[in-house]
Structures are given as structure tokens and as C-alpha cells.
Amino acid sequence: MAAEGGGKETNEIKTQFTTREGVYKLLPNSEYSRPNRVSFNSQGSNPVKVSFVNVNDQSGNGDRICFNVGRELYFYIYKGVRKAADLSKPIDKRIYKGTLPTCHDSNPLTATAESVSLLVGFSAGQVQLIDPIKKETSKLFNEDRLIDKTPVTCLKWVPGSENLFLVAHGSGSMYLYNVDHTCGTTAPHYQLLKQGENYAVHTSKSKTARNPLLRWTVGEGVVNEFAFSPDGKFLACAGQDGFLRVFCFDSAELHGTMKSYFGGLLCLCWSPDGRYVVTGGEDDLVTVWSFSDCRVIARGHGHRSWVSVVAFDHCITSVQDCEVPTEFSGSDEEFQELVQFNGSRERANSAQSRLSKRNSTDGRGVSVTYRFGSVGQDTQLCLWDLTEDILFPHLPLSRTRTNTNVMNATTSSAPSGDTVTLGTNGNNSVSSSGSCVPSYSLSPPLPRSNSLPHCSPAGGSSPNKPTSIMDGALIATGVSKFATLALHEASKERHAEKDHKRNHSMSYISNKSSDKLNQLIGMHATKTEVAKALGTAQCPRMEEVPLLEPLVCKKIAHERLTVLIFLEDCLVTACQEGFVCTWTRPGKVGLLPSQNSANSPANSQSGTVV
């Protein structure tokens, strides 16, 4: 179903929408916000962010929600679709002075009903470790702003670690911290540890253990968001320079890159099996990038302004066995190329993939359909499907093949990375492996579609000799290197972005015409930029990849949307007015109107002032 709206319905706020699995409904009684439910002036404020953690409460109600609104930070029990939100009883509420919270993340490994390790980043550059259940402030990192003076744009605990976390700043640098180390009383001095295409990794020269452990300098400008792969081995970064960069985290090797069609990249997410990365940004498009092929495989057009959040729905994923087709068409070379391509992708699958149901050696593949969503500054929610017709484009029909051809076809194994230890002790180690299968040109440009094709996860692993990045060891196994924009080119691009106003963006003006989109963007891009990125594997032209249309495209808020999170029985959105909304999934029990009494305005509680 194509994007809906227009005419009198353009400004109408939707409270429900329908997909093939049923109707999603907004639950007004399950809305989280400031206790008095008064929206705040969002002009000049940091985006409202939401994070969840489960404390494994024996009562079965272990979900906890944290969100920031202006200078305030709230921590509540999240009751979802089961009970109405009680805003009068936050677990913790804090009001900050002189700085504003920008992002936050809880450590799921250490979370219990009695204690939660919550990291909070601030607009002045500091990072605070608090326990909202005990109402304690544990530590403050970068307190004197000696490490970095720019705002914190994103922070996350390193998967599988109780004490390591990564922080991105507006300077374009990312820092690896250990909660057990101090930051020191003087500015840190660094020495080069690893360098590659437009990125560098430095380690501290200090002889004593101190923060930060590492400093990553990535791209030109702000790192707007980063995310670890589901297995924790890879790190994807979305930059204001328009580049997606994916690294092997432990070895600091660049796995692959992608360039946005126009402007900066603002958000990204991994598919649940780690096979794909979806990005969104100032080109108003969602872009699907294949991890194993290191290339763009589809773009989605539905938003009318910048895309602020993309997220995969792990619950709407279908997996079934698919027979290897017995009939193909085209030349012998095309057939061998297709078989080699499919075989390589299957061998690139991770042994730990959540979606792998069958071994690829039995002559069968795996058919997978993905669902992901996006929200943007146009106040719209879009849902998208990735299915076989895009992820696995078929060759034109011509001549009959047999299963003998498939069995006799030769394939090559994908390279895998070494296992690397990061940190100062055994508890800080995280293993890593990856692969990058070369892409093949299998078919002419594909038409727009509501779906996409699939069959390969984030790369197989092989146990090799452990190597420590802290010792400066370099690992180079199948790393893809791409050209990047020069400094003066990035400056020209940023100048062109000033013309890109809210709700008056390129893809909206061009409507559904990819030709017009190419012409308009060409007016803003320099000839050098086009030569370096447009039309390459990093940034294919619009007609070179399938163009997706959303299954659902609905206006759901008055202010720009800043949050989209998929949970088991609902999805959660938030807008810049400070309202966190719950949408029940089809078939799930909603709240009764009588339960709305729990949402009565509450007296202002005394919060922690910093």
C-alpha cells in the first residue's frame, strides 16, 4: 500500500492504522510524559529520547522506561498495554541545571529489581552514571570537559560487558570508557593505534589506567548515532558527512561504507540477524545496506522531511525453507554467477543468527521477510517490508537448468576476522569476526516495490589466534576500502543543506519521480561529489536500486517524532512535545477507559538537581 494522506487528511492525527496482520491502536491511558502532562517548549531543546531495560522482576512487570524532556529525566515502571500509566509515581525524577540530558542507556547485564546502571549523556559533554532505583549518583565522567567539550550525541554500553561503554560527541570523536577507571585531572594525550580510510583510533599515553581507553575519530563532523550489531562484534556509525561506516569493533577494521543520497545520516539500525543495516537522514529516504555484500540494495521513499529514527520489528519476521529453483534463464556465465553469489552469501551467515533455521548444505535456502519502521520530522510513521523480490532479484527466464548444475557449481568461502581481546582484563573481552562478499550485477534496474529479498547474515566466524588492539596488532581480512569526501567537499554539501527546509525536502518535491529527484539533488551537489559517490556502490543512482513504498504512512503527532521502539505487545513512539505513546499490536488486550483515572495530574516531586 502506498503512502496515504493528502487534502483535508494531511493534518489529521491518526490514532490507529491497519496492516496485513491487523489494526494497531493508540492507547491514550498508556501515555508517559511529565507528571502534569503539560507539553514543554521544544524550541532549541535536545530531542526527546526513550530507553528501556528489563530488571527481571518476579512479578512479571519488569520493564522500566527512561525518557528525557528538556532539563528533566524520568524513570518509571512501564506497564505497556496491561495497565494505565501512573505518572504520580516515578521511580526517579531529576532536574538538571546548566546542562541538558541528550541520551541515556541502561546496562541489561547488571539490571535487577534493586539496582540499575543508567548512563546519561549531556549537552555540555559530561557523562553521568546513576542508579535511578537507589536514587544514587555513582560517577561523573568528563566532569571538567578535558576529554571533549561538545555535546554527547549517542552513548551505549558495550554488549556483553559490565563496565565498558562507548560515547559519541558532536566533535566527531567517540570514546571508550571503563566505569572502574577515573578520567584524570589533566587533558589526556594520545598516540596513534590504528588508521584507515577517513578514520583513526588513538590510545592514551598514560602509564596508569585512566579514561578514555580509546579515542575514535570517524569521518568529517558529528557522529549522529552508532549501534552495535546483534552479536556485538561490529559497530555501525551514521555521520553528518552522509557516510555509514561499519567497523569490526575489536580490531578497528573498516568493514564497509555507504554514502547517503543527499545530506547527513541521522539514524541507523541493524536487522535482528545482523544481515542488513537500515539508515535514515536528511535525504528523506530510508536506505537498506547489505552487510555481506557491502552495498546498497534498496531505498524507501515515503517521508516528506528528515528521517529521525529507523527500527526493525523483531516480532514481524517470517522464516520458511525455500527450494533451490530448478529452472533458470540467461547465459551459462549468469547462472554460475548467481549460484556463486547465493552460495557465498549462505556461507557468510553467522552461526549465531537468530533467524537461521536450516543448514545451507542441504540444498535449501531460507526465505525471510523483515519489517522495519521509521519516523521523521514530518510527524509521520512509516512501516516497510523487506521480502525476497528485492533482497534476491531473479535472473530473466531463458533456459532450463537442473539440480545437477547447482550441486556442481563452485563457490568460495567468505573471509572471517580474527578474535580480538579489548580492555585490561578478561571481563572486558569481546570476540569479533566478519566477512565481506563481493557484489554482483545480476539484473537491470528494478522497479519500485513494497518489499525486498534475502538470505545472508553478518558473517561466519572461525577461531583464530587472539590479537589485542591494545597491543597495536592490525588485522586485515577482506576489508573493503572506499573513497571519501574531502573537507572542502563536505563544506559545500553542508552549505547546500541550508536550503533543505522542514517539510519542504527533496523527495517530497519530487514526489514519486526518481528522475526529478536526481535532477534536484544534482543542483545542490558539486561535480566532484557526484563523480566520487553518486553512481558507485557507495551511493547508487535512484534508478539503479529498487525503490520501496511504505505499507503504512500516517501522521501521528503534532511535533516532530524522535522515538520508535518495537516491543513484544506494542510499539512506542515519542514526539518533541514530550509525549511517549504506546500503540497496541493487533490481537493484544488494550486498556479500558475507566483506567484513565490513574493519569490524574500529580504533585511535583523534588528531584535531584545537578
Foldseek 3Di string as FASTA:
>chain_A
DFEDDDDPRLPPFDQWDADPVGIWGFFPQQKDFQLQPFFDDLVPAAFKDKEWEAQPDPVPQRIKMWIFFGQKIFIARRPFQNFGDQNQDTLAMFGEPPKHWHDKEWDRVPHHPQWIFMWTWIQQGKIWTATSNVQGTDDIACPVVLAHRGGWQDKYAQPLFPFWIWTWGQQQKIFICGNVAAADDHRFDWDWQDDDAQKTKTATPDPDDHPGGIMIRHHHGGFNDKDAALQSQKIWTWGQLQKIWIARVFQRFTAAMFGHPAGGWREWDAEQQAQWIWTWFAQQKIWIAGQQARFTQEIEHHGLGGWHYKFWFNVPKDKDKDADDQFAADDPVLVLVLLQVQVQQLLFGEPPGPRDDDRPVVRIFMWMKIKMWIFWQSLKIFIAIAGACRAPPGADGHGGGGVVCSVPRDYDYFFWWEFEQEDDDPSRGRGHIFGHDHDDDNDAFDEAERYHRDTHHGGYHDYDDYHGSSVSDHIDGHHDDAHDDDPVQSVLSVVLCVVADGSNHLCVVVPPDLVSSVVVVVVSHDPVVCVRHECDRNHDRNRRHHYHRTSYMGNNDPGGWNDWAHDDFWIWTDGSSGMIITIGDPPDNGDDPVSSVSSHRHDDDDHHYD
